[in-house]
Protein backbone atom coordinates (compact mmCIF):
# COMPACT_ATOMS: atom_id res chain seq x y z
CA MET A 1 -45.37 113.34 20.46
CA ALA A 2 -41.94 114.92 20.42
CA TYR A 3 -38.54 113.61 21.39
CA VAL A 4 -36.23 116.45 22.36
CA GLU A 5 -32.67 116.32 23.62
CA ALA A 6 -30.29 119.06 24.68
CA ASP A 7 -26.73 118.65 25.87
CA TYR A 8 -25.11 121.92 26.95
CA PHE A 9 -22.28 122.93 29.22
CA GLY A 10 -21.17 126.51 29.61
CA GLY A 11 -23.53 127.66 26.87
CA VAL A 12 -22.07 125.31 24.24
CA GLY A 13 -23.76 122.13 23.10
CA THR A 14 -26.15 120.27 20.83
CA GLN A 15 -29.89 119.79 20.28
CA ASN A 16 -31.85 117.00 18.65
CA ALA A 17 -35.58 116.71 18.02
CA LEU A 18 -38.13 114.56 16.24
CA THR A 19 -41.92 114.87 16.17
CA ARG A 20 -44.42 112.11 15.43
CA ASP A 21 -48.14 112.18 14.71
CA ALA A 22 -50.15 108.95 14.59
CA GLY A 23 -46.88 107.00 14.64
CA LYS A 24 -45.39 108.76 11.62
CA ILE A 25 -42.45 111.15 11.70
CA VAL A 26 -43.77 114.58 10.75
CA LEU A 27 -40.69 116.63 11.66
CA GLY A 28 -37.06 115.64 11.75
CA PRO A 29 -34.91 114.18 12.86
CA LEU A 30 -33.38 117.60 13.40
CA ARG A 31 -29.91 118.25 14.82
CA LEU A 32 -28.10 121.40 15.83
CA ALA A 33 -24.41 120.58 16.21
CA GLU A 34 -22.01 122.28 18.59
CA GLY A 35 -20.92 125.63 17.17
CA GLU A 36 -23.60 125.60 14.47
CA SER A 37 -25.83 128.68 14.21
CA SER A 38 -29.54 128.23 14.90
CA PRO A 39 -31.60 128.18 11.71
CA THR A 40 -34.00 131.06 11.07
CA THR A 41 -36.85 128.59 11.70
CA GLY A 42 -35.60 128.11 15.29
CA THR A 43 -33.70 125.45 17.15
CA PRO A 44 -34.73 121.82 16.76
CA ILE A 45 -36.48 121.88 20.15
CA SER A 46 -38.35 125.10 19.33
CA GLN A 47 -39.48 123.66 16.00
CA ALA A 48 -40.73 120.46 17.67
CA LEU A 49 -42.58 122.39 20.38
CA ARG A 50 -44.13 124.66 17.75
CA ARG A 51 -45.30 121.57 15.88
CA LEU A 52 -47.06 120.50 19.10
CA GLY A 53 -48.80 123.88 19.32
CA ALA A 54 -46.47 125.89 21.57
CA ALA A 55 -46.09 129.60 20.87
CA LYS A 56 -43.22 131.68 22.16
CA GLY A 57 -45.35 134.74 22.89
CA ASN A 58 -43.22 137.23 24.85
CA HIS A 59 -40.57 134.60 25.66
CA VAL A 60 -37.23 134.21 23.92
CA ASP A 61 -38.36 130.90 22.36
CA GLU A 62 -40.82 128.02 22.73
CA PHE A 63 -38.46 126.22 25.15
CA ALA A 64 -38.81 129.10 27.60
CA ALA A 65 -42.51 129.61 26.87
CA VAL A 66 -43.46 126.08 27.97
CA GLY A 67 -41.22 126.25 31.06
CA LEU A 68 -38.58 123.68 30.11
CA GLY A 69 -35.93 125.93 31.65
CA ARG A 70 -37.02 124.72 35.08
CA HIS A 71 -35.61 121.30 34.13
CA ARG A 72 -32.26 122.68 33.00
CA ASP A 73 -30.32 121.18 35.93
CA THR A 74 -30.97 117.47 36.59
CA ASP A 75 -30.29 117.92 40.32
CA ASP A 76 -33.26 120.31 40.49
CA TRP A 77 -35.85 117.69 39.46
CA LEU A 78 -34.37 114.22 40.02
CA PRO A 79 -35.27 112.72 43.44
CA PRO A 80 -32.50 112.96 46.07
CA GLY A 81 -29.93 110.19 45.84
CA GLU A 82 -30.58 109.55 42.12
CA ALA A 83 -28.49 112.39 40.66
CA SER A 84 -25.26 111.44 39.00
C-alpha cells in the first residue's frame, strides 16, 4: 500500500510518499520540498509507485505511466457539488 500526496500550483509544489508492506513501512516517509530538485532515484511518488511494481516505460515517470495525471484537477473527478 502506498500513501502519496502532491500539492502543486503553477508547476511549483511538494510531494510526500510512504509505502507499507504487511503493515511495515518499507519506503519513506519521503518528501520533496518546494524548490528542491528531484533526486536521481525519482520523485517520492515515482519511488512509491515503483515499489508497488509500476514501470515508467515510454512515459516521463511512473505517475504518468499509471494514469494519475487524469486526477490532477479535483473538479475533474469529484462528484458535482462537492468541489471546493
